[in-house]
Amino acid sequence: MVNGVTIGQAAAFVGVTVKTVRHYHRHGLVDEPPRDASGYRRYGSAELLRLVQVRTLAAAGVPLAEIGPLLDADTERFAAALDDVERRLTDRIADLTARRDTLHRLAEGDRALLPERAAAVLDRMVGLGFGPDYVAGQREALVLARAMVPDGFDGFLNQLEHCLDDPGYVDLTKRGQEAETWAPDDPRIEELATAMADHYLANPALLGDPTSLRAWARASAQYGLINNHREDQAPMAARLTALTEAALRAAGVPLPQR
């Protein structure tokens, strides 16, 4: 009677592949049994038990490098090691769940990169009749602001919410969208910039709270990048913004220098 089984049979009995068994051997997790007179390695019940133990721990998420010491540990250390593995698995599950949720939010557009409050501001712009190009530009500006000036992001949202509550701001901004159809030397550009600056000066809350303004003042390079975003697609709007800001700075408003 032949004692033990071949590596192929051992793998089949345990529920793994021959390649996996050899992988366990290379990592020193299961000793290779000696060869019989025919030159075959014969796996006995002790090796099969060890294979089952290793396979079970590996399937549970225990790194291979930790399985050997774990199997050789006493009962107390074994339990403590399993608790540690469970904690790491729980952390990994939480991380994977968060990644899955992000993927789900990607299908919803804004909500993958922006909080619900910012998405609500964009939805409100659409409801107020702002054009799709303007809303898209504001969406991208919010994404950039959140990433590059996080300490000024909430203040930026506060400012946008306050501006959308102001009918005069909404009207002037919509007129600014119309400016893209005007000729570059159209005198209405400067007139509109003056009107916008005057409206800001008459309603200083539209410029943002002092904390937010200080955050943006410390981030002048980021401010310039965000403010100039889509400049090539909306040159008249960029010029209107520059003229309005120049008038506000001349009036003493501490806007960041671009």
C-alpha atoms as a PDB file:
ATOM      1  CA  MET A   1       0.000   0.000   0.000  1.00  0.00           C
ATOM      2  CA  VAL A   2       1.339   3.450  -0.986  1.00  0.00           C
ATOM      3  CA  ASN A   3       1.415   5.902   1.911  1.00  0.00           C
ATOM      4  CA  GLY A   4       0.233   9.397   1.018  1.00  0.00           C
ATOM      5  CA  VAL A   5      -0.961  11.029  -2.169  1.00  0.00           C
ATOM      6  CA  THR A   6       0.662  12.927  -5.022  1.00  0.00           C
ATOM      7  CA  ILE A   7       0.829  16.712  -5.127  1.00  0.00           C
ATOM      8  CA  GLY A   8      -1.990  16.763  -7.672  1.00  0.00           C
ATOM      9  CA  GLN A   9      -4.220  14.684  -5.432  1.00  0.00           C
ATOM     10  CA  ALA A  10      -3.296  16.743  -2.371  1.00  0.00           C
ATOM     11  CA  ALA A  11      -4.181  19.950  -4.182  1.00  0.00           C
ATOM     12  CA  ALA A  12      -7.515  18.510  -5.323  1.00  0.00           C
ATOM     13  CA  PHE A  13      -8.382  17.209  -1.862  1.00  0.00           C
ATOM     14  CA  VAL A  14      -7.621  20.561  -0.223  1.00  0.00           C
ATOM     15  CA  GLY A  15      -9.291  22.660  -2.926  1.00  0.00           C
ATOM     16  CA  VAL A  16      -6.307  24.531  -4.338  1.00  0.00           C
ATOM     17  CA  THR A  17      -4.120  24.222  -7.430  1.00  0.00           C
ATOM     18  CA  VAL A  18      -0.775  22.479  -7.705  1.00  0.00           C
ATOM     19  CA  LYS A  19       0.747  25.891  -8.392  1.00  0.00           C
ATOM     20  CA  THR A  20      -0.657  27.139  -5.078  1.00  0.00           C
ATOM     21  CA  VAL A  21       0.771  24.187  -3.167  1.00  0.00           C
ATOM     22  CA  ARG A  22       4.207  24.892  -4.656  1.00  0.00           C
ATOM     23  CA  HIS A  23       3.758  28.560  -3.782  1.00  0.00           C
ATOM     24  CA  TYR A  24       3.150  27.554  -0.156  1.00  0.00           C
ATOM     25  CA  HIS A  25       6.311  25.444  -0.262  1.00  0.00           C
ATOM     26  CA  ARG A  26       8.377  28.383  -1.555  1.00  0.00           C
ATOM     27  CA  HIS A  27       7.130  30.544   1.325  1.00  0.00           C
ATOM     28  CA  GLY A  28       8.007  27.834   3.831  1.00  0.00           C
ATOM     29  CA  LEU A  29       4.402  27.443   4.950  1.00  0.00           C
ATOM     30  CA  VAL A  30       4.198  23.728   4.214  1.00  0.00           C
ATOM     31  CA  ASP A  31       7.201  21.417   4.291  1.00  0.00           C
ATOM     32  CA  GLU A  32       7.798  19.387   1.170  1.00  0.00           C
ATOM     33  CA  PRO A  33       7.381  15.700   1.959  1.00  0.00           C
ATOM     34  CA  PRO A  34      10.199  13.318   1.015  1.00  0.00           C
ATOM     35  CA  ARG A  35      10.123  11.425  -2.261  1.00  0.00           C
ATOM     36  CA  ASP A  36       9.190   7.777  -2.354  1.00  0.00           C
ATOM     37  CA  ALA A  37      11.089   5.044  -4.205  1.00  0.00           C
ATOM     38  CA  SER A  38       9.402   6.107  -7.469  1.00  0.00           C
ATOM     39  CA  GLY A  39      10.629   9.682  -7.106  1.00  0.00           C
ATOM     40  CA  TYR A  40       7.214  11.138  -6.193  1.00  0.00           C
ATOM     41  CA  ARG A  41       6.561  13.284  -3.168  1.00  0.00           C
ATOM     42  CA  ARG A  42       3.817  11.758  -1.080  1.00  0.00           C
ATOM     43  CA  TYR A  43       1.577  13.989   1.028  1.00  0.00           C
ATOM     44  CA  GLY A  44       0.297  12.455   4.238  1.00  0.00           C
ATOM     45  CA  SER A  45      -2.442  13.604   6.562  1.00  0.00           C
ATOM     46  CA  ALA A  46      -0.105  15.997   8.427  1.00  0.00           C
ATOM     47  CA  GLU A  47       0.774  17.841   5.207  1.00  0.00           C
ATOM     48  CA  LEU A  48      -2.867  17.891   4.126  1.00  0.00           C
ATOM     49  CA  LEU A  49      -3.889  19.372   7.475  1.00  0.00           C
ATOM     50  CA  ARG A  50      -1.257  22.064   7.145  1.00  0.00           C
ATOM     51  CA  LEU A  51      -2.405  22.824   3.601  1.00  0.00           C
ATOM     52  CA  VAL A  52      -5.992  23.195   4.800  1.00  0.00           C
ATOM     53  CA  GLN A  53      -4.894  25.531   7.599  1.00  0.00           C
ATOM     54  CA  VAL A  54      -2.796  27.699   5.292  1.00  0.00           C
ATOM     55  CA  ARG A  55      -5.488  27.823   2.614  1.00  0.00           C
ATOM     56  CA  THR A  56      -8.139  28.818   5.177  1.00  0.00           C
ATOM     57  CA  LEU A  57      -6.062  31.635   6.670  1.00  0.00           C
ATOM     58  CA  ALA A  58      -5.024  32.914   3.236  1.00  0.00           C
ATOM     59  CA  ALA A  59      -8.658  32.931   2.093  1.00  0.00           C
ATOM     60  CA  ALA A  60      -9.556  34.892   5.234  1.00  0.00           C
ATOM     61  CA  GLY A  61      -7.162  37.634   4.198  1.00  0.00           C
ATOM     62  CA  VAL A  62      -4.128  36.835   6.324  1.00  0.00           C
ATOM     63  CA  PRO A  63      -0.932  37.788   4.424  1.00  0.00           C
ATOM     64  CA  LEU A  64       1.212  34.764   3.580  1.00  0.00           C
ATOM     65  CA  ALA A  65       4.165  36.251   5.462  1.00  0.00           C
ATOM     66  CA  GLU A  66       2.120  36.118   8.673  1.00  0.00           C
ATOM     67  CA  ILE A  67       0.593  32.666   8.302  1.00  0.00           C
ATOM     68  CA  GLY A  68       3.642  30.669   9.366  1.00  0.00           C
ATOM     69  CA  PRO A  69       4.170  32.460  12.697  1.00  0.00           C
ATOM     70  CA  LEU A  70       0.415  32.445  13.260  1.00  0.00           C
ATOM     71  CA  LEU A  71       0.132  28.670  12.912  1.00  0.00           C
ATOM     72  CA  ASP A  72       3.128  28.164  15.194  1.00  0.00           C
ATOM     73  CA  ALA A  73       1.785  30.541  17.884  1.00  0.00           C
ATOM     74  CA  ASP A  74       0.156  29.502  21.127  1.00  0.00           C
ATOM     75  CA  THR A  75      -3.590  29.919  21.639  1.00  0.00           C
ATOM     76  CA  GLU A  76      -3.355  33.401  23.166  1.00  0.00           C
ATOM     77  CA  ARG A  77      -1.067  34.812  20.481  1.00  0.00           C
ATOM     78  CA  PHE A  78      -3.122  33.130  17.769  1.00  0.00           C
ATOM     79  CA  ALA A  79      -6.302  34.843  19.012  1.00  0.00           C
ATOM     80  CA  ALA A  80      -4.554  38.227  19.277  1.00  0.00           C
ATOM     81  CA  ALA A  81      -3.143  37.867  15.760  1.00  0.00           C
ATOM     82  CA  LEU A  82      -6.566  37.018  14.373  1.00  0.00           C
ATOM     83  CA  ASP A  83      -8.015  40.103  16.080  1.00  0.00           C
ATOM     84  CA  ASP A  84      -5.352  42.221  14.381  1.00  0.00           C
ATOM     85  CA  VAL A  85      -6.091  40.666  10.990  1.00  0.00           C
ATOM     86  CA  GLU A  86      -9.805  41.286  11.514  1.00  0.00           C
ATOM     87  CA  ARG A  87      -9.147  44.954  12.335  1.00  0.00           C
ATOM     88  CA  ARG A  88      -7.105  45.403   9.167  1.00  0.00           C
ATOM     89  CA  LEU A  89      -9.734  43.666   7.094  1.00  0.00           C
ATOM     90  CA  THR A  90     -12.412  45.914   8.580  1.00  0.00           C
ATOM     91  CA  ASP A  91     -10.357  48.990   7.668  1.00  0.00           C
ATOM     92  CA  ARG A  92      -9.857  47.641   4.158  1.00  0.00           C
ATOM     93  CA  ILE A  93     -13.574  46.943   3.778  1.00  0.00           C
ATOM     94  CA  ALA A  94     -14.354  50.520   4.848  1.00  0.00           C
ATOM     95  CA  ASP A  95     -11.835  51.833   2.312  1.00  0.00           C
ATOM     96  CA  LEU A  96     -13.224  49.669  -0.493  1.00  0.00           C
ATOM     97  CA  THR A  97     -16.769  50.683   0.416  1.00  0.00           C
ATOM     98  CA  ALA A  98     -15.777  54.347   0.215  1.00  0.00           C
ATOM     99  CA  ARG A  99     -14.192  53.747  -3.202  1.00  0.00           C
ATOM    100  CA  ARG A 100     -17.312  51.953  -4.404  1.00  0.00           C
ATOM    101  CA  ASP A 101     -19.475  54.849  -3.206  1.00  0.00           C
ATOM    102  CA  THR A 102     -17.237  57.265  -5.107  1.00  0.00           C
ATOM    103  CA  LEU A 103     -17.693  55.207  -8.273  1.00  0.00           C
ATOM    104  CA  HIS A 104     -21.452  55.305  -7.771  1.00  0.00           C
ATOM    105  CA  ARG A 105     -21.326  59.083  -7.335  1.00  0.00           C
ATOM    106  CA  LEU A 106     -19.345  59.401 -10.564  1.00  0.00           C
ATOM    107  CA  ALA A 107     -22.511  58.382 -12.394  1.00  0.00           C
ATOM    108  CA  GLU A 108     -24.220  61.361 -10.766  1.00  0.00           C
ATOM    109  CA  GLY A 109     -21.762  63.932 -12.079  1.00  0.00           C
ATOM    110  CA  ASP A 110     -20.964  66.720  -9.608  1.00  0.00           C
ATOM    111  CA  ARG A 111     -21.421  64.610  -6.499  1.00  0.00           C
ATOM    112  CA  ALA A 112     -18.247  62.605  -7.132  1.00  0.00           C
ATOM    113  CA  LEU A 113     -15.988  65.641  -6.690  1.00  0.00           C
ATOM    114  CA  LEU A 114     -18.157  68.073  -4.742  1.00  0.00           C
ATOM    115  CA  PRO A 115     -20.201  67.922  -1.548  1.00  0.00           C
ATOM    116  CA  GLU A 116     -23.994  67.976  -1.683  1.00  0.00           C
ATOM    117  CA  ARG A 117     -24.086  71.648  -0.739  1.00  0.00           C
ATOM    118  CA  ALA A 118     -21.998  72.623  -3.770  1.00  0.00           C
ATOM    119  CA  ALA A 119     -24.129  70.438  -6.043  1.00  0.00           C
ATOM    120  CA  ALA A 120     -27.208  72.215  -4.686  1.00  0.00           C
ATOM    121  CA  VAL A 121     -25.662  75.599  -5.568  1.00  0.00           C
ATOM    122  CA  LEU A 122     -25.085  74.424  -9.140  1.00  0.00           C
ATOM    123  CA  ASP A 123     -28.629  73.086  -9.362  1.00  0.00           C
ATOM    124  CA  ARG A 124     -29.871  76.455  -8.204  1.00  0.00           C
ATOM    125  CA  MET A 125     -27.909  78.233 -10.933  1.00  0.00           C
ATOM    126  CA  VAL A 126     -29.654  76.065 -13.491  1.00  0.00           C
ATOM    127  CA  GLY A 127     -33.014  76.898 -11.922  1.00  0.00           C
ATOM    128  CA  LEU A 128     -32.253  80.617 -12.087  1.00  0.00           C
ATOM    129  CA  GLY A 129     -31.680  80.343 -15.811  1.00  0.00           C
ATOM    130  CA  PHE A 130     -27.893  80.491 -16.057  1.00  0.00           C
ATOM    131  CA  GLY A 131     -26.613  78.931 -19.274  1.00  0.00           C
ATOM    132  CA  PRO A 132     -24.986  75.478 -19.361  1.00  0.00           C
ATOM    133  CA  ASP A 133     -21.531  76.866 -20.219  1.00  0.00           C
ATOM    134  CA  TYR A 134     -21.628  79.227 -17.249  1.00  0.00           C
ATOM    135  CA  VAL A 135     -22.759  76.477 -14.870  1.00  0.00           C
ATOM    136  CA  ALA A 136     -20.086  74.108 -16.218  1.00  0.00           C
ATOM    137  CA  GLY A 137     -17.432  76.762 -15.625  1.00  0.00           C
ATOM    138  CA  GLN A 138     -18.659  77.339 -12.079  1.00  0.00           C
ATOM    139  CA  ARG A 139     -18.676  73.588 -11.447  1.00  0.00           C
ATOM    140  CA  GLU A 140     -15.051  73.302 -12.540  1.00  0.00           C
ATOM    141  CA  ALA A 141     -14.098  76.364 -10.493  1.00  0.00           C
ATOM    142  CA  LEU A 142     -15.650  74.767  -7.410  1.00  0.00           C
ATOM    143  CA  VAL A 143     -13.758  71.532  -7.995  1.00  0.00           C
ATOM    144  CA  LEU A 144     -10.493  73.452  -8.344  1.00  0.00           C
ATOM    145  CA  ALA A 145     -11.233  75.623  -5.312  1.00  0.00           C
ATOM    146  CA  ARG A 146     -12.006  72.651  -3.110  1.00  0.00           C
ATOM    147  CA  ALA A 147      -8.764  70.929  -4.113  1.00  0.00           C
ATOM    148  CA  MET A 148      -6.415  73.917  -4.105  1.00  0.00           C
ATOM    149  CA  VAL A 149      -7.848  76.262  -1.434  1.00  0.00           C
ATOM    150  CA  PRO A 150      -9.698  73.968   0.982  1.00  0.00           C
ATOM    151  CA  ASP A 151      -9.700  76.508   3.814  1.00  0.00           C
ATOM    152  CA  GLY A 152     -11.449  79.007   1.562  1.00  0.00           C
ATOM    153  CA  PHE A 153     -13.952  76.586   0.016  1.00  0.00           C
ATOM    154  CA  ASP A 154     -16.779  76.941   2.543  1.00  0.00           C
ATOM    155  CA  GLY A 155     -16.462  80.710   2.378  1.00  0.00           C
ATOM    156  CA  PHE A 156     -16.640  80.513  -1.412  1.00  0.00           C
ATOM    157  CA  LEU A 157     -19.850  78.510  -1.135  1.00  0.00           C
ATOM    158  CA  ASN A 158     -21.264  81.007   1.353  1.00  0.00           C
ATOM    159  CA  GLN A 159     -20.472  83.795  -1.085  1.00  0.00           C
ATOM    160  CA  LEU A 160     -22.115  82.009  -4.025  1.00  0.00           C
ATOM    161  CA  GLU A 161     -25.238  81.253  -1.999  1.00  0.00           C
ATOM    162  CA  HIS A 162     -25.498  84.871  -0.924  1.00  0.00           C
ATOM    163  CA  CYS A 163     -24.951  86.106  -4.485  1.00  0.00           C
ATOM    164  CA  LEU A 164     -27.695  83.867  -5.846  1.00  0.00           C
ATOM    165  CA  ASP A 165     -30.068  85.398  -3.281  1.00  0.00           C
ATOM    166  CA  ASP A 166     -29.372  88.835  -4.766  1.00  0.00           C
ATOM    167  CA  PRO A 167     -31.522  89.654  -7.825  1.00  0.00           C
ATOM    168  CA  GLY A 168     -29.174  92.448  -8.865  1.00  0.00           C
ATOM    169  CA  TYR A 169     -26.190  90.112  -8.922  1.00  0.00           C
ATOM    170  CA  VAL A 170     -28.130  87.503 -10.884  1.00  0.00           C
ATOM    171  CA  ASP A 171     -29.198  90.090 -13.466  1.00  0.00           C
ATOM    172  CA  LEU A 172     -25.695  91.539 -13.878  1.00  0.00           C
ATOM    173  CA  THR A 173     -24.140  88.087 -14.181  1.00  0.00           C
ATOM    174  CA  LYS A 174     -26.599  87.066 -16.871  1.00  0.00           C
ATOM    175  CA  ARG A 175     -25.761  90.258 -18.754  1.00  0.00           C
ATOM    176  CA  GLY A 176     -22.125  89.232 -18.426  1.00  0.00           C
ATOM    177  CA  GLN A 177     -22.937  85.960 -20.183  1.00  0.00           C
ATOM    178  CA  GLU A 178     -24.453  87.946 -23.054  1.00  0.00           C
ATOM    179  CA  ALA A 179     -21.171  89.868 -23.361  1.00  0.00           C
ATOM    180  CA  GLU A 180     -19.586  86.878 -25.110  1.00  0.00           C
ATOM    181  CA  THR A 181     -21.496  87.918 -28.242  1.00  0.00           C
ATOM    182  CA  TRP A 182     -20.181  91.511 -28.106  1.00  0.00           C
ATOM    183  CA  ALA A 183     -17.223  92.873 -30.047  1.00  0.00           C
ATOM    184  CA  PRO A 184     -13.977  93.184 -28.051  1.00  0.00           C
ATOM    185  CA  ASP A 185     -14.082  96.988 -28.167  1.00  0.00           C
ATOM    186  CA  ASP A 186     -17.772  97.261 -27.311  1.00  0.00           C
ATOM    187  CA  PRO A 187     -18.079 100.095 -24.752  1.00  0.00           C
ATOM    188  CA  ARG A 188     -20.772  98.154 -22.926  1.00  0.00           C
ATOM    189  CA  ILE A 189     -18.052  95.909 -21.446  1.00  0.00           C
ATOM    190  CA  GLU A 190     -16.577  98.737 -19.386  1.00  0.00           C
ATOM    191  CA  GLU A 191     -20.049 100.019 -18.496  1.00  0.00           C
ATOM    192  CA  LEU A 192     -21.070  96.586 -17.252  1.00  0.00           C
ATOM    193  CA  ALA A 193     -17.820  96.172 -15.290  1.00  0.00           C
ATOM    194  CA  THR A 194     -18.480  99.510 -13.581  1.00  0.00           C
ATOM    195  CA  ALA A 195     -22.048  98.486 -12.783  1.00  0.00           C
ATOM    196  CA  MET A 196     -20.878  95.184 -11.321  1.00  0.00           C
ATOM    197  CA  ALA A 197     -18.175  96.818  -9.198  1.00  0.00           C
ATOM    198  CA  ASP A 198     -20.671  99.407  -7.931  1.00  0.00           C
ATOM    199  CA  HIS A 199     -23.118  96.660  -7.008  1.00  0.00           C
ATOM    200  CA  TYR A 200     -20.439  94.788  -5.051  1.00  0.00           C
ATOM    201  CA  LEU A 201     -19.428  97.979  -3.246  1.00  0.00           C
ATOM    202  CA  ALA A 202     -23.045  98.722  -2.365  1.00  0.00           C
ATOM    203  CA  ASN A 203     -23.487  95.147  -1.111  1.00  0.00           C
ATOM    204  CA  PRO A 204     -20.117  94.180   0.437  1.00  0.00           C
ATOM    205  CA  ALA A 205     -21.454  90.857   1.726  1.00  0.00           C
ATOM    206  CA  LEU A 206     -21.386  89.685  -1.908  1.00  0.00           C
ATOM    207  CA  LEU A 207     -17.579  89.829  -1.769  1.00  0.00           C
ATOM    208  CA  GLY A 208     -17.387  87.144   0.911  1.00  0.00           C
ATOM    209  CA  ASP A 209     -16.641  87.135   4.620  1.00  0.00           C
ATOM    210  CA  PRO A 210     -13.269  88.376   5.944  1.00  0.00           C
ATOM    211  CA  THR A 211     -12.039  84.875   6.833  1.00  0.00           C
ATOM    212  CA  SER A 212     -12.659  83.629   3.320  1.00  0.00           C
ATOM    213  CA  LEU A 213     -11.052  86.718   1.782  1.00  0.00           C
ATOM    214  CA  ARG A 214      -7.927  86.183   3.897  1.00  0.00           C
ATOM    215  CA  ALA A 215      -7.766  82.534   2.804  1.00  0.00           C
ATOM    216  CA  TRP A 216      -7.904  83.541  -0.831  1.00  0.00           C
ATOM    217  CA  ALA A 217      -5.415  86.379  -0.279  1.00  0.00           C
ATOM    218  CA  ARG A 218      -2.914  83.785   0.957  1.00  0.00           C
ATOM    219  CA  ALA A 219      -3.531  81.748  -2.183  1.00  0.00           C
ATOM    220  CA  SER A 220      -3.076  84.338  -4.896  1.00  0.00           C
ATOM    221  CA  ALA A 221      -1.482  81.870  -7.337  1.00  0.00           C
ATOM    222  CA  GLN A 222      -4.374  79.445  -6.946  1.00  0.00           C
ATOM    223  CA  TYR A 223      -6.830  82.328  -7.212  1.00  0.00           C
ATOM    224  CA  GLY A 224      -5.302  83.362 -10.505  1.00  0.00           C
ATOM    225  CA  LEU A 225      -5.490  79.852 -11.932  1.00  0.00           C
ATOM    226  CA  ILE A 226      -9.120  79.415 -10.906  1.00  0.00           C
ATOM    227  CA  ASN A 227     -10.122  82.904 -12.000  1.00  0.00           C
ATOM    228  CA  ASN A 228      -8.507  82.420 -15.406  1.00  0.00           C
ATOM    229  CA  HIS A 229     -10.007  78.989 -15.954  1.00  0.00           C
ATOM    230  CA  ARG A 230     -11.782  78.760 -19.330  1.00  0.00           C
ATOM    231  CA  GLU A 231     -10.376  82.174 -20.275  1.00  0.00           C
ATOM    232  CA  ASP A 232      -9.741  80.916 -23.796  1.00  0.00           C
ATOM    233  CA  GLN A 233     -13.351  79.757 -24.113  1.00  0.00           C
ATOM    234  CA  ALA A 234     -14.916  82.927 -22.705  1.00  0.00           C
ATOM    235  CA  PRO A 235     -12.513  85.834 -23.408  1.00  0.00           C
ATOM    236  CA  MET A 236     -15.123  88.559 -22.928  1.00  0.00           C
ATOM    237  CA  ALA A 237     -16.132  87.173 -19.548  1.00  0.00           C
ATOM    238  CA  ALA A 238     -12.463  87.088 -18.559  1.00  0.00           C
ATOM    239  CA  ARG A 239     -12.041  90.709 -19.585  1.00  0.00           C
ATOM    240  CA  LEU A 240     -15.203  91.686 -17.740  1.00  0.00           C
ATOM    241  CA  THR A 241     -13.915  89.976 -14.591  1.00  0.00           C
ATOM    242  CA  ALA A 242     -10.541  91.707 -14.896  1.00  0.00           C
ATOM    243  CA  LEU A 243     -12.134  95.142 -15.326  1.00  0.00           C
ATOM    244  CA  THR A 244     -14.499  94.565 -12.414  1.00  0.00           C
ATOM    245  CA  GLU A 245     -11.682  93.430 -10.131  1.00  0.00           C
ATOM    246  CA  ALA A 246      -9.527  96.405 -11.134  1.00  0.00           C
ATOM    247  CA  ALA A 247     -12.340  98.757 -10.151  1.00  0.00           C
ATOM    248  CA  LEU A 248     -12.811  96.966  -6.827  1.00  0.00           C
ATOM    249  CA  ARG A 249      -9.086  97.093  -6.015  1.00  0.00           C
ATOM    250  CA  ALA A 250      -9.060 100.786  -6.878  1.00  0.00           C
ATOM    251  CA  ALA A 251     -11.854 101.199  -4.338  1.00  0.00           C
ATOM    252  CA  GLY A 252      -9.759  99.465  -1.659  1.00  0.00           C
ATOM    253  CA  VAL A 253     -11.211  95.945  -1.784  1.00  0.00           C
ATOM    254  CA  PRO A 254      -8.378  93.502  -0.847  1.00  0.00           C
ATOM    255  CA  LEU A 255      -8.784  91.041  -3.705  1.00  0.00           C
ATOM    256  CA  PRO A 256      -5.849  88.708  -4.413  1.00  0.00           C
ATOM    257  CA  GLN A 257      -3.519  89.835  -7.165  1.00  0.00           C
ATOM    258  CA  ARG A 258      -3.601  87.421 -10.087  1.00  0.00           C
END
